[in-house]
PDB file of N, CA and C in Angstrom:
ATOM      1  N   MET A   1     -29.727 -16.860  -5.273  1.00  0.00           N
ATOM      2  CA  MET A   1     -28.643 -16.727  -6.127  1.00  0.00           C
ATOM      3  C   MET A   1     -27.776 -16.098  -6.437  1.00  0.00           C
ATOM      4  N   THR A   2     -26.654 -16.007  -6.055  1.00  0.00           N
ATOM      5  CA  THR A   2     -25.674 -15.035  -6.179  1.00  0.00           C
ATOM      6  C   THR A   2     -24.757 -15.000  -7.094  1.00  0.00           C
ATOM      7  N   ALA A   3     -23.833 -13.699  -7.132  1.00  0.00           N
ATOM      8  CA  ALA A   3     -23.106 -13.596  -8.266  1.00  0.00           C
ATOM      9  C   ALA A   3     -22.063 -12.812  -7.624  1.00  0.00           C
ATOM     10  N   LEU A   4     -20.817 -12.953  -8.333  1.00  0.00           N
ATOM     11  CA  LEU A   4     -20.110 -11.968  -7.900  1.00  0.00           C
ATOM     12  C   LEU A   4     -20.038 -10.167  -8.925  1.00  0.00           C
ATOM     13  N   LEU A   5     -19.752  -9.503  -7.955  1.00  0.00           N
ATOM     14  CA  LEU A   5     -20.075  -8.168  -8.010  1.00  0.00           C
ATOM     15  C   LEU A   5     -19.584  -7.296  -9.245  1.00  0.00           C
ATOM     16  N   ASP A   6     -18.362  -7.929  -9.696  1.00  0.00           N
ATOM     17  CA  ASP A   6     -17.718  -7.759 -10.805  1.00  0.00           C
ATOM     18  C   ASP A   6     -18.538  -7.958 -12.635  1.00  0.00           C
ATOM     19  N   LYS A   7     -19.648  -9.128 -12.064  1.00  0.00           N
ATOM     20  CA  LYS A   7     -20.207  -9.239 -13.221  1.00  0.00           C
ATOM     21  C   LYS A   7     -21.645  -9.273 -13.575  1.00  0.00           C
ATOM     22  N   ALA A   8     -21.889  -8.440 -11.655  1.00  0.00           N
ATOM     23  CA  ALA A   8     -23.679  -7.659 -11.563  1.00  0.00           C
ATOM     24  C   ALA A   8     -23.324  -6.428 -12.735  1.00  0.00           C
ATOM     25  N   PRO A   9     -25.362  -6.287 -13.097  1.00  0.00           N
ATOM     26  CA  PRO A   9     -25.314  -5.238 -14.363  1.00  0.00           C
ATOM     27  C   PRO A   9     -25.288  -3.879 -13.396  1.00  0.00           C
ATOM     28  N   LEU A  10     -24.909  -3.047 -14.115  1.00  0.00           N
ATOM     29  CA  LEU A  10     -24.696  -1.540 -13.909  1.00  0.00           C
ATOM     30  C   LEU A  10     -26.189  -1.188 -13.516  1.00  0.00           C
ATOM     31  N   GLY A  11     -26.489  -0.265 -13.083  1.00  0.00           N
ATOM     32  CA  GLY A  11     -27.624   0.337 -12.514  1.00  0.00           C
ATOM     33  C   GLY A  11     -28.510  -0.264 -11.284  1.00  0.00           C
ATOM     34  N   VAL A  12     -28.172  -1.635 -11.412  1.00  0.00           N
ATOM     35  CA  VAL A  12     -29.417  -2.328 -10.174  1.00  0.00           C
ATOM     36  C   VAL A  12     -28.805  -2.778  -9.203  1.00  0.00           C
ATOM     37  N   ALA A  13     -29.614  -2.347  -8.656  1.00  0.00           N
ATOM     38  CA  ALA A  13     -29.051  -2.348  -6.646  1.00  0.00           C
ATOM     39  C   ALA A  13     -28.604  -4.082  -6.321  1.00  0.00           C
ATOM     40  N   VAL A  14     -27.837  -4.214  -5.842  1.00  0.00           N
ATOM     41  CA  VAL A  14     -27.140  -5.393  -5.217  1.00  0.00           C
ATOM     42  C   VAL A  14     -27.302  -5.870  -3.549  1.00  0.00           C
ATOM     43  N   ARG A  15     -27.444  -6.764  -2.837  1.00  0.00           N
ATOM     44  CA  ARG A  15     -26.627  -6.681  -1.697  1.00  0.00           C
ATOM     45  C   ARG A  15     -25.753  -7.597  -1.293  1.00  0.00           C
ATOM     46  N   ILE A  16     -24.694  -7.379  -0.961  1.00  0.00           N
ATOM     47  CA  ILE A  16     -23.624  -7.846  -0.562  1.00  0.00           C
ATOM     48  C   ILE A  16     -23.571  -9.212   0.536  1.00  0.00           C
ATOM     49  N   ALA A  17     -23.497 -10.303  -0.242  1.00  0.00           N
ATOM     50  CA  ALA A  17     -24.007 -11.911   0.266  1.00  0.00           C
ATOM     51  C   ALA A  17     -22.727 -12.206   1.444  1.00  0.00           C
ATOM     52  N   ARG A  18     -21.505 -12.301   0.629  1.00  0.00           N
ATOM     53  CA  ARG A  18     -20.056 -12.873   1.000  1.00  0.00           C
ATOM     54  C   ARG A  18     -19.054 -11.923   0.617  1.00  0.00           C
ATOM     55  N   ILE A  19     -18.009 -11.903   1.168  1.00  0.00           N
ATOM     56  CA  ILE A  19     -16.710 -11.230   0.398  1.00  0.00           C
ATOM     57  C   ILE A  19     -15.980 -12.390   1.325  1.00  0.00           C
ATOM     58  N   ASN A  20     -15.133 -12.331   0.243  1.00  0.00           N
ATOM     59  CA  ASN A  20     -13.931 -13.043   0.458  1.00  0.00           C
ATOM     60  C   ASN A  20     -12.144 -12.913   0.871  1.00  0.00           C
ATOM     61  N   TRP A  21     -12.337 -12.377   2.229  1.00  0.00           N
ATOM     62  CA  TRP A  21     -11.363 -11.372   2.850  1.00  0.00           C
ATOM     63  C   TRP A  21     -10.280 -12.037   2.930  1.00  0.00           C
ATOM     64  N   ASP A  22      -9.906 -13.266   2.729  1.00  0.00           N
ATOM     65  CA  ASP A  22      -8.682 -14.518   2.450  1.00  0.00           C
ATOM     66  C   ASP A  22      -7.992 -13.700   1.112  1.00  0.00           C
ATOM     67  N   ALA A  23      -9.032 -13.353  -0.125  1.00  0.00           N
ATOM     68  CA  ALA A  23      -8.627 -13.518  -1.510  1.00  0.00           C
ATOM     69  C   ALA A  23      -7.691 -11.883  -1.494  1.00  0.00           C
ATOM     70  N   MET A  24      -7.710 -11.460  -0.812  1.00  0.00           N
ATOM     71  CA  MET A  24      -6.928 -10.152  -0.530  1.00  0.00           C
ATOM     72  C   MET A  24      -6.200  -9.360   0.695  1.00  0.00           C
ATOM     73  N   SER A  25      -5.383  -8.074   0.329  1.00  0.00           N
ATOM     74  CA  SER A  25      -4.079  -7.947   1.234  1.00  0.00           C
ATOM     75  C   SER A  25      -4.877  -7.256   2.321  1.00  0.00           C
ATOM     76  N   HIS A  26      -4.184  -7.387   3.407  1.00  0.00           N
ATOM     77  CA  HIS A  26      -4.886  -6.781   5.074  1.00  0.00           C
ATOM     78  C   HIS A  26      -5.375  -5.235   4.381  1.00  0.00           C
ATOM     79  N   ASP A  27      -4.178  -4.568   3.974  1.00  0.00           N
ATOM     80  CA  ASP A  27      -4.621  -3.145   3.342  1.00  0.00           C
ATOM     81  C   ASP A  27      -5.479  -3.033   2.537  1.00  0.00           C
ATOM     82  N   GLU A  28      -6.008  -3.398   1.606  1.00  0.00           N
ATOM     83  CA  GLU A  28      -7.236  -4.049   0.494  1.00  0.00           C
ATOM     84  C   GLU A  28      -8.599  -3.901   1.468  1.00  0.00           C
ATOM     85  N   GLY A  29      -8.496  -4.889   2.081  1.00  0.00           N
ATOM     86  CA  GLY A  29      -9.490  -5.309   3.223  1.00  0.00           C
ATOM     87  C   GLY A  29      -9.786  -4.420   4.181  1.00  0.00           C
ATOM     88  N   ARG A  30      -9.137  -3.390   4.681  1.00  0.00           N
ATOM     89  CA  ARG A  30      -8.847  -2.369   5.561  1.00  0.00           C
ATOM     90  C   ARG A  30     -10.438  -1.242   4.840  1.00  0.00           C
ATOM     91  N   ARG A  31      -9.321  -1.181   3.811  1.00  0.00           N
ATOM     92  CA  ARG A  31     -10.003   0.190   2.922  1.00  0.00           C
ATOM     93  C   ARG A  31     -11.407  -0.082   2.492  1.00  0.00           C
ATOM     94  N   LEU A  32     -11.978  -1.167   2.020  1.00  0.00           N
ATOM     95  CA  LEU A  32     -13.020  -1.794   1.572  1.00  0.00           C
ATOM     96  C   LEU A  32     -14.237  -1.398   3.153  1.00  0.00           C
ATOM     97  N   ARG A  33     -13.647  -2.131   4.485  1.00  0.00           N
ATOM     98  CA  ARG A  33     -14.489  -1.700   5.056  1.00  0.00           C
ATOM     99  C   ARG A  33     -14.640  -0.278   5.465  1.00  0.00           C
ATOM    100  N   GLU A  34     -13.566   0.775   5.214  1.00  0.00           N
ATOM    101  CA  GLU A  34     -13.596   1.964   5.445  1.00  0.00           C
ATOM    102  C   GLU A  34     -14.816   2.399   4.588  1.00  0.00           C
ATOM    103  N   PHE A  35     -14.864   2.064   3.480  1.00  0.00           N
ATOM    104  CA  PHE A  35     -16.448   2.632   2.544  1.00  0.00           C
ATOM    105  C   PHE A  35     -17.201   2.385   2.776  1.00  0.00           C
ATOM    106  N   GLY A  36     -17.221   1.286   4.271  1.00  0.00           N
ATOM    107  CA  GLY A  36     -18.722   0.512   4.505  1.00  0.00           C
ATOM    108  C   GLY A  36     -19.198  -0.567   3.850  1.00  0.00           C
ATOM    109  N   LEU A  37     -18.094  -1.586   2.775  1.00  0.00           N
ATOM    110  CA  LEU A  37     -18.610  -3.175   2.346  1.00  0.00           C
ATOM    111  C   LEU A  37     -18.171  -3.659   2.927  1.00  0.00           C
ATOM    112  N   MET A  38     -19.186  -4.556   3.334  1.00  0.00           N
ATOM    113  CA  MET A  38     -19.432  -5.594   4.353  1.00  0.00           C
ATOM    114  C   MET A  38     -20.798  -6.236   4.009  1.00  0.00           C
ATOM    115  N   GLU A  39     -20.463  -7.550   4.574  1.00  0.00           N
ATOM    116  CA  GLU A  39     -21.571  -8.746   4.470  1.00  0.00           C
ATOM    117  C   GLU A  39     -23.302  -7.193   4.735  1.00  0.00           C
ATOM    118  N   GLY A  40     -24.222  -7.626   3.724  1.00  0.00           N
ATOM    119  CA  GLY A  40     -25.315  -6.940   4.283  1.00  0.00           C
ATOM    120  C   GLY A  40     -25.557  -5.517   3.236  1.00  0.00           C
ATOM    121  N   CYS A  41     -24.407  -4.821   3.379  1.00  0.00           N
ATOM    122  CA  CYS A  41     -24.832  -3.676   2.680  1.00  0.00           C
ATOM    123  C   CYS A  41     -25.630  -3.720   1.466  1.00  0.00           C
ATOM    124  N   GLU A  42     -26.048  -2.832   0.830  1.00  0.00           N
ATOM    125  CA  GLU A  42     -26.582  -2.998  -0.473  1.00  0.00           C
ATOM    126  C   GLU A  42     -25.310  -1.597  -1.554  1.00  0.00           C
ATOM    127  N   VAL A  43     -25.460  -2.315  -2.531  1.00  0.00           N
ATOM    128  CA  VAL A  43     -24.577  -1.488  -3.259  1.00  0.00           C
ATOM    129  C   VAL A  43     -25.109  -1.275  -4.982  1.00  0.00           C
ATOM    130  N   THR A  44     -24.664  -0.496  -5.303  1.00  0.00           N
ATOM    131  CA  THR A  44     -25.372   0.029  -7.217  1.00  0.00           C
ATOM    132  C   THR A  44     -23.956   0.092  -7.644  1.00  0.00           C
ATOM    133  N   PRO A  45     -23.958  -0.780  -9.043  1.00  0.00           N
ATOM    134  CA  PRO A  45     -22.961  -1.012  -9.709  1.00  0.00           C
ATOM    135  C   PRO A  45     -23.337   0.063 -10.673  1.00  0.00           C
ATOM    136  N   LEU A  46     -22.282   1.383 -11.155  1.00  0.00           N
ATOM    137  CA  LEU A  46     -22.513   2.669 -11.773  1.00  0.00           C
ATOM    138  C   LEU A  46     -21.848   2.369 -13.040  1.00  0.00           C
ATOM    139  N   HIS A  47     -20.645   2.078 -13.370  1.00  0.00           N
ATOM    140  CA  HIS A  47     -19.773   2.293 -14.617  1.00  0.00           C
ATOM    141  C   HIS A  47     -18.675   1.004 -13.944  1.00  0.00           C
ATOM    142  N   ARG A  48     -17.582   0.954 -15.569  1.00  0.00           N
ATOM    143  CA  ARG A  48     -16.788  -0.550 -15.402  1.00  0.00           C
ATOM    144  C   ARG A  48     -15.630   0.510 -16.275  1.00  0.00           C
ATOM    145  N   GLY A  49     -14.890   0.487 -16.273  1.00  0.00           N
ATOM    146  CA  GLY A  49     -13.240   1.110 -17.043  1.00  0.00           C
ATOM    147  C   GLY A  49     -13.470   2.117 -17.961  1.00  0.00           C
ATOM    148  N   SER A  50     -13.070   1.489 -18.921  1.00  0.00           N
ATOM    149  CA  SER A  50     -13.255   2.168 -19.945  1.00  0.00           C
ATOM    150  C   SER A  50     -13.241   1.393 -21.013  1.00  0.00           C
ATOM    151  N   ILE A  51     -13.580   1.520 -22.794  1.00  0.00           N
ATOM    152  CA  ILE A  51     -13.781   0.406 -23.528  1.00  0.00           C
ATOM    153  C   ILE A  51     -12.945  -0.440 -23.546  1.00  0.00           C
ATOM    154  N   PHE A  52     -11.601  -0.312 -23.207  1.00  0.00           N
ATOM    155  CA  PHE A  52     -10.193  -1.490 -23.142  1.00  0.00           C
ATOM    156  C   PHE A  52     -10.483  -2.054 -21.803  1.00  0.00           C
ATOM    157  N   SER A  53     -10.963  -1.545 -20.812  1.00  0.00           N
ATOM    158  CA  SER A  53     -10.840  -2.377 -19.522  1.00  0.00           C
ATOM    159  C   SER A  53     -11.866  -2.460 -19.126  1.00  0.00           C
ATOM    160  N   ARG A  54     -12.062  -3.577 -17.867  1.00  0.00           N
ATOM    161  CA  ARG A  54     -13.465  -3.532 -16.585  1.00  0.00           C
ATOM    162  C   ARG A  54     -12.847  -3.399 -15.473  1.00  0.00           C
ATOM    163  N   ASP A  55     -11.739  -2.040 -15.345  1.00  0.00           N
ATOM    164  CA  ASP A  55     -11.272  -1.990 -14.094  1.00  0.00           C
ATOM    165  C   ASP A  55     -11.033  -0.696 -14.403  1.00  0.00           C
ATOM    166  N   PRO A  56     -11.516   0.172 -13.323  1.00  0.00           N
ATOM    167  CA  PRO A  56     -12.084   0.022 -12.485  1.00  0.00           C
ATOM    168  C   PRO A  56     -13.326   0.005 -12.507  1.00  0.00           C
ATOM    169  N   LEU A  57     -13.686  -0.036 -11.022  1.00  0.00           N
ATOM    170  CA  LEU A  57     -15.791  -1.007 -11.271  1.00  0.00           C
ATOM    171  C   LEU A  57     -15.841   0.471 -10.112  1.00  0.00           C
ATOM    172  N   ALA A  58     -17.072   1.473 -10.679  1.00  0.00           N
ATOM    173  CA  ALA A  58     -17.670   2.952  -9.585  1.00  0.00           C
ATOM    174  C   ALA A  58     -18.625   1.812  -9.129  1.00  0.00           C
ATOM    175  N   LEU A  59     -18.907   2.290  -7.919  1.00  0.00           N
ATOM    176  CA  LEU A  59     -20.132   1.877  -7.127  1.00  0.00           C
ATOM    177  C   LEU A  59     -20.460   2.833  -5.851  1.00  0.00           C
ATOM    178  N   THR A  60     -22.157   2.886  -5.849  1.00  0.00           N
ATOM    179  CA  THR A  60     -22.704   3.632  -4.610  1.00  0.00           C
ATOM    180  C   THR A  60     -22.724   2.603  -3.306  1.00  0.00           C
ATOM    181  N   ILE A  61     -22.397   3.669  -2.339  1.00  0.00           N
ATOM    182  CA  ILE A  61     -22.313   2.677  -1.462  1.00  0.00           C
ATOM    183  C   ILE A  61     -23.497   3.857  -0.430  1.00  0.00           C
ATOM    184  N   GLY A  62     -24.724   3.651  -0.037  1.00  0.00           N
ATOM    185  CA  GLY A  62     -25.613   4.775   0.540  1.00  0.00           C
ATOM    186  C   GLY A  62     -25.469   5.862  -0.441  1.00  0.00           C
ATOM    187  N   ARG A  63     -24.920   7.262   0.267  1.00  0.00           N
ATOM    188  CA  ARG A  63     -24.922   8.503  -0.597  1.00  0.00           C
ATOM    189  C   ARG A  63     -23.063   8.456  -1.083  1.00  0.00           C
ATOM    190  N   MET A  64     -22.505   7.456  -1.150  1.00  0.00           N
ATOM    191  CA  MET A  64     -20.986   7.667  -1.488  1.00  0.00           C
ATOM    192  C   MET A  64     -20.817   6.438  -2.531  1.00  0.00           C
ATOM    193  N   LYS A  65     -20.029   7.376  -3.291  1.00  0.00           N
ATOM    194  CA  LYS A  65     -19.412   7.137  -4.755  1.00  0.00           C
ATOM    195  C   LYS A  65     -18.023   6.149  -4.491  1.00  0.00           C
ATOM    196  N   VAL A  66     -18.031   5.313  -4.451  1.00  0.00           N
ATOM    197  CA  VAL A  66     -16.340   4.755  -4.646  1.00  0.00           C
ATOM    198  C   VAL A  66     -15.857   4.143  -5.823  1.00  0.00           C
ATOM    199  N   ILE A  67     -14.613   3.778  -6.191  1.00  0.00           N
ATOM    200  CA  ILE A  67     -13.995   2.913  -6.969  1.00  0.00           C
ATOM    201  C   ILE A  67     -13.358   1.652  -6.393  1.00  0.00           C
ATOM    202  N   ILE A  68     -13.119   0.594  -6.951  1.00  0.00           N
ATOM    203  CA  ILE A  68     -12.691  -0.552  -6.494  1.00  0.00           C
ATOM    204  C   ILE A  68     -12.233  -1.058  -7.691  1.00  0.00           C
ATOM    205  N   ARG A  69     -10.953  -1.750  -7.473  1.00  0.00           N
ATOM    206  CA  ARG A  69     -10.831  -2.592  -8.152  1.00  0.00           C
ATOM    207  C   ARG A  69     -11.257  -4.259  -8.923  1.00  0.00           C
ATOM    208  N   ALA A  70     -11.499  -4.366  -9.863  1.00  0.00           N
ATOM    209  CA  ALA A  70     -12.018  -5.671 -10.374  1.00  0.00           C
ATOM    210  C   ALA A  70     -11.662  -6.805  -9.569  1.00  0.00           C
ATOM    211  N   ARG A  71     -10.488  -7.073  -9.701  1.00  0.00           N
ATOM    212  CA  ARG A  71     -10.471  -8.275  -8.953  1.00  0.00           C
ATOM    213  C   ARG A  71     -10.820  -8.352  -7.542  1.00  0.00           C
ATOM    214  N   GLN A  72     -10.599  -7.307  -6.700  1.00  0.00           N
ATOM    215  CA  GLN A  72     -11.523  -7.231  -5.390  1.00  0.00           C
ATOM    216  C   GLN A  72     -13.030  -7.151  -5.808  1.00  0.00           C
ATOM    217  N   ALA A  73     -13.493  -6.707  -6.748  1.00  0.00           N
ATOM    218  CA  ALA A  73     -15.040  -7.101  -7.032  1.00  0.00           C
ATOM    219  C   ALA A  73     -15.458  -8.547  -7.369  1.00  0.00           C
ATOM    220  N   ALA A  74     -14.445  -8.905  -7.632  1.00  0.00           N
ATOM    221  CA  ALA A  74     -14.701 -11.037  -8.224  1.00  0.00           C
ATOM    222  C   ALA A  74     -14.742 -11.502  -6.841  1.00  0.00           C
ATOM    223  N   VAL A  75     -14.358 -11.008  -5.797  1.00  0.00           N
ATOM    224  CA  VAL A  75     -14.074 -11.990  -4.988  1.00  0.00           C
ATOM    225  C   VAL A  75     -15.568 -11.501  -3.646  1.00  0.00           C
ATOM    226  N   ILE A  76     -16.487 -10.620  -4.710  1.00  0.00           N
ATOM    227  CA  ILE A  76     -17.537 -10.172  -3.641  1.00  0.00           C
ATOM    228  C   ILE A  76     -19.008 -11.093  -4.156  1.00  0.00           C
ATOM    229  N   GLU A  77     -19.253 -11.581  -3.330  1.00  0.00           N
ATOM    230  CA  GLU A  77     -20.509 -12.615  -3.823  1.00  0.00           C
ATOM    231  C   GLU A  77     -21.632 -11.628  -3.680  1.00  0.00           C
ATOM    232  N   VAL A  78     -22.663 -10.926  -4.817  1.00  0.00           N
ATOM    233  CA  VAL A  78     -24.011 -10.388  -4.331  1.00  0.00           C
ATOM    234  C   VAL A  78     -25.518 -11.225  -4.631  1.00  0.00           C
ATOM    235  N   GLU A  79     -25.859 -10.531  -3.962  1.00  0.00           N
ATOM    236  CA  GLU A  79     -27.625 -11.390  -4.702  1.00  0.00           C
ATOM    237  C   GLU A  79     -28.696 -10.260  -4.763  1.00  0.00           C
ATOM    238  N   PRO A  80     -29.273 -10.402  -5.543  1.00  0.00           N
ATOM    239  CA  PRO A  80     -30.403  -9.461  -5.560  1.00  0.00           C
ATOM    240  C   PRO A  80     -30.845  -8.534  -4.424  1.00  0.00           C
ATOM    241  N   THR A  81     -31.571  -7.667  -4.607  1.00  0.00           N
ATOM    242  CA  THR A  81     -32.262  -7.087  -3.358  1.00  0.00           C
ATOM    243  C   THR A  81     -33.626  -7.417  -2.961  1.00  0.00           C
ATOM    244  N   ALA A  82     -34.339  -7.608  -2.240  1.00  0.00           N
ATOM    245  CA  ALA A  82     -35.917  -8.116  -1.999  1.00  0.00           C
ATOM    246  C   ALA A  82     -36.572  -6.890  -2.689  1.00  0.00           C
TER     247      ALA A  82
END
């Protein structure tokens, strides 16, 4: 069962099942790949924006913490880790 990363529960590790690369610009896609966001990798959503906004989304990828936009997270399908 997959869900979208922007709706994933905070503090729970998930695995990236699919990324709709066509829904973002070439530069956005390149930036996410440089962070290591690829199908099959495990990420943990840490926190979202502020009281008034769900943007941006902070994640851990391995030992690294990164920030992505909510609209980018909305095109990333995730599934529970085994």
